Amino acid sequence: MQIPAECRYLQFPYRNYRLRSIAVGRRRMKAIMEDTNMQTLPLRIGAGQDLRAVLDALVAQHHVEAAFVLQGVGSLSVARLRFAGRPEFTELRGDLEILTLGGSLSPDGPHLHVSVADDGGRVLGGHLGPGCIVRTTAEVLVALLPRHRFRREFDPATGFDELFVKA
């Protein structure tokens, strides 16, 4: 049976619950709703703000220990990127468009990746570093996960601090 488009999502304050099946009883519906406890937070970050600092502060501001940046677009005047396998950040200046932005937010700090295009259309991407300054605006969608905890712990298999998820 096809679920009508207007019935696919049930909206409650700060939460969206996906309707997985149209033929569910009250107990099953309650279990589905409790299992998908995610709060979406659309943001507009203004000119002159440090993009990474704003996102890093969200976890504490919203009293959660886990969140994801689902996507972001906008512009930067300064971008600091760390390319794969390099220890240092590379700074880009000029009119830069944010093409993609995503990653995880935790009390241990953000792990964010970004791709930006310069005014010639050349694209670079990597880890988003501190000091990325919004030029006009940044539109970001964040998912807060209040039932989870993200931690960065040393992983001997990779040699890096990696994400560990705890429910």
C-alpha atoms as a PDB file:
ATOM      1  CA  MET A   1       0.000   0.000   0.000  1.00  0.00           C
ATOM      2  CA  GLN A   2       1.347   3.417  -0.968  1.00  0.00           C
ATOM      3  CA  ILE A   3       1.484   5.969   1.872  1.00  0.00           C
ATOM      4  CA  PRO A   4       0.042   9.331   0.744  1.00  0.00           C
ATOM      5  CA  ALA A   5       2.666  12.101   0.699  1.00  0.00           C
ATOM      6  CA  GLU A   6       0.807  14.202   3.275  1.00  0.00           C
ATOM      7  CA  CYS A   7       0.938  11.286   5.758  1.00  0.00           C
ATOM      8  CA  ARG A   8       4.612  10.398   5.476  1.00  0.00           C
ATOM      9  CA  TYR A   9       5.775  12.686   8.255  1.00  0.00           C
ATOM     10  CA  LEU A  10       4.105  13.553  11.536  1.00  0.00           C
ATOM     11  CA  GLN A  11       5.246  16.907  12.870  1.00  0.00           C
ATOM     12  CA  PHE A  12       5.544  17.764  16.552  1.00  0.00           C
ATOM     13  CA  PRO A  13       7.394  20.673  18.168  1.00  0.00           C
ATOM     14  CA  TYR A  14      11.141  20.276  17.442  1.00  0.00           C
ATOM     15  CA  ARG A  15      10.718  16.744  16.089  1.00  0.00           C
ATOM     16  CA  ASN A  16       9.820  15.038  12.824  1.00  0.00           C
ATOM     17  CA  TYR A  17       8.742  11.430  12.991  1.00  0.00           C
ATOM     18  CA  ARG A  18       8.805   9.285   9.889  1.00  0.00           C
ATOM     19  CA  LEU A  19       5.735   7.145   9.393  1.00  0.00           C
ATOM     20  CA  ARG A  20       7.215   3.787   8.399  1.00  0.00           C
ATOM     21  CA  SER A  21       3.990   1.867   8.015  1.00  0.00           C
ATOM     22  CA  ILE A  22       0.394   2.922   7.576  1.00  0.00           C
ATOM     23  CA  ALA A  23      -0.950  -0.190   9.322  1.00  0.00           C
ATOM     24  CA  VAL A  24       0.436   0.215  12.836  1.00  0.00           C
ATOM     25  CA  GLY A  25      -1.276   0.034  16.196  1.00  0.00           C
ATOM     26  CA  ARG A  26      -0.861   2.570  18.976  1.00  0.00           C
ATOM     27  CA  ARG A  27       1.961   0.687  20.706  1.00  0.00           C
ATOM     28  CA  ARG A  28       3.911   0.213  17.482  1.00  0.00           C
ATOM     29  CA  MET A  29       3.464   3.885  16.518  1.00  0.00           C
ATOM     30  CA  LYS A  30       4.688   5.000  19.957  1.00  0.00           C
ATOM     31  CA  ALA A  31       7.795   2.794  19.626  1.00  0.00           C
ATOM     32  CA  ILE A  32       8.569   4.210  16.179  1.00  0.00           C
ATOM     33  CA  MET A  33       8.195   7.780  17.439  1.00  0.00           C
ATOM     34  CA  GLU A  34      10.409   7.192  20.475  1.00  0.00           C
ATOM     35  CA  ASP A  35      13.071   5.452  18.377  1.00  0.00           C
ATOM     36  CA  THR A  36      13.458   8.355  15.941  1.00  0.00           C
ATOM     37  CA  ASN A  37      14.029  11.121  18.473  1.00  0.00           C
ATOM     38  CA  MET A  38      15.931  13.618  16.339  1.00  0.00           C
ATOM     39  CA  GLN A  39      15.563  17.379  16.537  1.00  0.00           C
ATOM     40  CA  THR A  40      16.253  19.367  13.413  1.00  0.00           C
ATOM     41  CA  LEU A  41      17.721  22.819  13.740  1.00  0.00           C
ATOM     42  CA  PRO A  42      17.854  25.058  10.662  1.00  0.00           C
ATOM     43  CA  LEU A  43      20.366  27.899  11.061  1.00  0.00           C
ATOM     44  CA  ARG A  44      21.283  31.077   9.266  1.00  0.00           C
ATOM     45  CA  ILE A  45      24.752  32.199  10.281  1.00  0.00           C
ATOM     46  CA  GLY A  46      25.482  35.841   9.514  1.00  0.00           C
ATOM     47  CA  ALA A  47      28.358  37.664   7.889  1.00  0.00           C
ATOM     48  CA  GLY A  48      31.574  37.980   9.873  1.00  0.00           C
ATOM     49  CA  GLN A  49      30.968  34.946  12.100  1.00  0.00           C
ATOM     50  CA  ASP A  50      33.385  32.036  12.444  1.00  0.00           C
ATOM     51  CA  LEU A  51      31.443  29.124  10.927  1.00  0.00           C
ATOM     52  CA  ARG A  52      33.226  26.389  12.866  1.00  0.00           C
ATOM     53  CA  ALA A  53      32.976  28.244  16.205  1.00  0.00           C
ATOM     54  CA  VAL A  54      29.210  28.744  15.802  1.00  0.00           C
ATOM     55  CA  LEU A  55      28.680  25.047  15.011  1.00  0.00           C
ATOM     56  CA  ASP A  56      31.009  23.916  17.803  1.00  0.00           C
ATOM     57  CA  ALA A  57      28.983  25.898  20.374  1.00  0.00           C
ATOM     58  CA  LEU A  58      25.653  24.271  19.431  1.00  0.00           C
ATOM     59  CA  VAL A  59      26.192  21.093  21.456  1.00  0.00           C
ATOM     60  CA  ALA A  60      26.535  23.012  24.719  1.00  0.00           C
ATOM     61  CA  GLN A  61      23.847  25.563  23.849  1.00  0.00           C
ATOM     62  CA  HIS A  62      21.271  22.831  23.206  1.00  0.00           C
ATOM     63  CA  HIS A  63      22.390  20.521  26.043  1.00  0.00           C
ATOM     64  CA  VAL A  64      23.104  17.525  23.803  1.00  0.00           C
ATOM     65  CA  GLU A  65      26.181  15.355  23.388  1.00  0.00           C
ATOM     66  CA  ALA A  66      25.630  14.378  19.759  1.00  0.00           C
ATOM     67  CA  ALA A  67      24.670  16.215  16.588  1.00  0.00           C
ATOM     68  CA  PHE A  68      25.256  16.070  12.853  1.00  0.00           C
ATOM     69  CA  VAL A  69      25.570  18.814  10.297  1.00  0.00           C
ATOM     70  CA  LEU A  70      23.394  17.377   7.553  1.00  0.00           C
ATOM     71  CA  GLN A  71      24.198  20.018   4.937  1.00  0.00           C
ATOM     72  CA  GLY A  72      25.242  23.605   4.547  1.00  0.00           C
ATOM     73  CA  VAL A  73      25.527  26.178   1.776  1.00  0.00           C
ATOM     74  CA  GLY A  74      26.527  29.824   1.728  1.00  0.00           C
ATOM     75  CA  SER A  75      29.668  31.873   1.301  1.00  0.00           C
ATOM     76  CA  LEU A  76      32.975  32.500   3.028  1.00  0.00           C
ATOM     77  CA  SER A  77      35.534  35.284   2.761  1.00  0.00           C
ATOM     78  CA  VAL A  78      38.172  33.153   4.508  1.00  0.00           C
ATOM     79  CA  ALA A  79      38.331  29.347   4.455  1.00  0.00           C
ATOM     80  CA  ARG A  80      40.854  27.286   6.373  1.00  0.00           C
ATOM     81  CA  LEU A  81      41.027  23.731   5.033  1.00  0.00           C
ATOM     82  CA  ARG A  82      43.153  20.780   6.065  1.00  0.00           C
ATOM     83  CA  PHE A  83      43.712  18.525   3.101  1.00  0.00           C
ATOM     84  CA  ALA A  84      43.946  14.732   3.383  1.00  0.00           C
ATOM     85  CA  GLY A  85      47.203  13.509   4.894  1.00  0.00           C
ATOM     86  CA  ARG A  86      48.457  16.991   5.783  1.00  0.00           C
ATOM     87  CA  PRO A  87      48.940  18.276   9.329  1.00  0.00           C
ATOM     88  CA  GLU A  88      48.624  22.004   8.519  1.00  0.00           C
ATOM     89  CA  PHE A  89      45.688  24.119   7.376  1.00  0.00           C
ATOM     90  CA  THR A  90      45.677  25.984   4.065  1.00  0.00           C
ATOM     91  CA  GLU A  91      44.039  29.409   4.074  1.00  0.00           C
ATOM     92  CA  LEU A  92      41.966  30.602   1.115  1.00  0.00           C
ATOM     93  CA  ARG A  93      40.761  34.202   0.776  1.00  0.00           C
ATOM     94  CA  GLY A  94      38.274  35.778  -1.584  1.00  0.00           C
ATOM     95  CA  ASP A  95      34.693  35.196  -2.644  1.00  0.00           C
ATOM     96  CA  LEU A  96      34.153  31.523  -1.834  1.00  0.00           C
ATOM     97  CA  GLU A  97      30.924  29.540  -2.210  1.00  0.00           C
ATOM     98  CA  ILE A  98      30.205  26.698   0.230  1.00  0.00           C
ATOM     99  CA  LEU A  99      29.106  23.789  -1.958  1.00  0.00           C
ATOM    100  CA  THR A 100      28.846  21.144   0.757  1.00  0.00           C
ATOM    101  CA  LEU A 101      29.248  21.070   4.515  1.00  0.00           C
ATOM    102  CA  GLY A 102      28.752  18.070   6.766  1.00  0.00           C
ATOM    103  CA  GLY A 103      30.071  16.250   9.785  1.00  0.00           C
ATOM    104  CA  SER A 104      29.624  15.480  13.456  1.00  0.00           C
ATOM    105  CA  LEU A 105      29.450  17.704  16.541  1.00  0.00           C
ATOM    106  CA  SER A 106      30.351  16.486  20.019  1.00  0.00           C
ATOM    107  CA  PRO A 107      31.605  17.845  23.348  1.00  0.00           C
ATOM    108  CA  ASP A 108      35.083  16.744  22.178  1.00  0.00           C
ATOM    109  CA  GLY A 109      34.852  19.138  19.234  1.00  0.00           C
ATOM    110  CA  PRO A 110      33.549  19.186  15.687  1.00  0.00           C
ATOM    111  CA  HIS A 111      34.642  16.974  12.812  1.00  0.00           C
ATOM    112  CA  LEU A 112      33.500  18.847   9.715  1.00  0.00           C
ATOM    113  CA  HIS A 113      34.257  18.558   6.017  1.00  0.00           C
ATOM    114  CA  VAL A 114      33.578  21.307   3.490  1.00  0.00           C
ATOM    115  CA  SER A 115      33.954  21.898  -0.208  1.00  0.00           C
ATOM    116  CA  VAL A 116      34.232  25.450  -1.539  1.00  0.00           C
ATOM    117  CA  ALA A 117      34.473  27.005  -4.987  1.00  0.00           C
ATOM    118  CA  ASP A 118      36.430  30.165  -5.734  1.00  0.00           C
ATOM    119  CA  ASP A 119      35.336  32.919  -8.125  1.00  0.00           C
ATOM    120  CA  GLY A 120      36.843  30.947 -11.022  1.00  0.00           C
ATOM    121  CA  GLY A 121      34.818  27.828 -10.214  1.00  0.00           C
ATOM    122  CA  ARG A 122      37.768  25.840  -8.899  1.00  0.00           C
ATOM    123  CA  VAL A 123      36.719  23.497  -6.077  1.00  0.00           C
ATOM    124  CA  LEU A 124      38.741  22.475  -3.029  1.00  0.00           C
ATOM    125  CA  GLY A 125      37.664  20.500  -0.020  1.00  0.00           C
ATOM    126  CA  GLY A 126      38.894  19.134   3.259  1.00  0.00           C
ATOM    127  CA  HIS A 127      38.529  19.439   7.017  1.00  0.00           C
ATOM    128  CA  LEU A 128      36.932  22.730   8.094  1.00  0.00           C
ATOM    129  CA  GLY A 129      39.373  24.573  10.330  1.00  0.00           C
ATOM    130  CA  PRO A 130      38.905  27.395  12.815  1.00  0.00           C
ATOM    131  CA  GLY A 131      38.787  30.878  11.343  1.00  0.00           C
ATOM    132  CA  CYS A 132      36.406  30.225   8.418  1.00  0.00           C
ATOM    133  CA  ILE A 133      34.623  33.577   8.162  1.00  0.00           C
ATOM    134  CA  VAL A 134      31.120  33.816   6.680  1.00  0.00           C
ATOM    135  CA  ARG A 135      31.026  36.358   3.829  1.00  0.00           C
ATOM    136  CA  THR A 136      27.274  36.946   3.377  1.00  0.00           C
ATOM    137  CA  THR A 137      25.419  34.059   4.972  1.00  0.00           C
ATOM    138  CA  ALA A 138      25.612  30.360   5.723  1.00  0.00           C
ATOM    139  CA  GLU A 139      22.477  28.215   5.750  1.00  0.00           C
ATOM    140  CA  VAL A 140      23.025  25.049   7.768  1.00  0.00           C
ATOM    141  CA  LEU A 141      20.748  22.179   8.783  1.00  0.00           C
ATOM    142  CA  VAL A 142      21.777  20.437  12.003  1.00  0.00           C
ATOM    143  CA  ALA A 143      20.300  17.259  13.502  1.00  0.00           C
ATOM    144  CA  LEU A 144      20.466  17.183  17.310  1.00  0.00           C
ATOM    145  CA  LEU A 145      20.514  13.636  18.726  1.00  0.00           C
ATOM    146  CA  PRO A 146      19.532  13.909  22.411  1.00  0.00           C
ATOM    147  CA  ARG A 147      19.486  10.126  22.981  1.00  0.00           C
ATOM    148  CA  HIS A 148      23.087   9.623  21.865  1.00  0.00           C
ATOM    149  CA  ARG A 149      26.585  10.610  22.953  1.00  0.00           C
ATOM    150  CA  PHE A 150      29.456  11.165  20.567  1.00  0.00           C
ATOM    151  CA  ARG A 151      33.004  10.874  21.842  1.00  0.00           C
ATOM    152  CA  ARG A 152      36.388  11.096  20.171  1.00  0.00           C
ATOM    153  CA  GLU A 153      38.661   8.320  21.387  1.00  0.00           C
ATOM    154  CA  PHE A 154      42.009   7.065  20.190  1.00  0.00           C
ATOM    155  CA  ASP A 155      41.629   4.142  17.786  1.00  0.00           C
ATOM    156  CA  PRO A 156      44.809   2.044  17.592  1.00  0.00           C
ATOM    157  CA  ALA A 157      43.717   0.645  14.216  1.00  0.00           C
ATOM    158  CA  THR A 158      43.822   4.109  12.572  1.00  0.00           C
ATOM    159  CA  GLY A 159      46.162   6.010  14.890  1.00  0.00           C
ATOM    160  CA  PHE A 160      43.643   8.860  15.200  1.00  0.00           C
ATOM    161  CA  ASP A 161      40.929  10.004  17.562  1.00  0.00           C
ATOM    162  CA  GLU A 162      37.793   8.537  15.974  1.00  0.00           C
ATOM    163  CA  LEU A 163      34.061   8.820  16.601  1.00  0.00           C
ATOM    164  CA  PHE A 164      32.534   6.453  19.139  1.00  0.00           C
ATOM    165  CA  VAL A 165      28.749   6.448  19.419  1.00  0.00           C
ATOM    166  CA  LYS A 166      26.972   5.628  22.664  1.00  0.00           C
ATOM    167  CA  ALA A 167      23.234   5.418  23.085  1.00  0.00           C
END
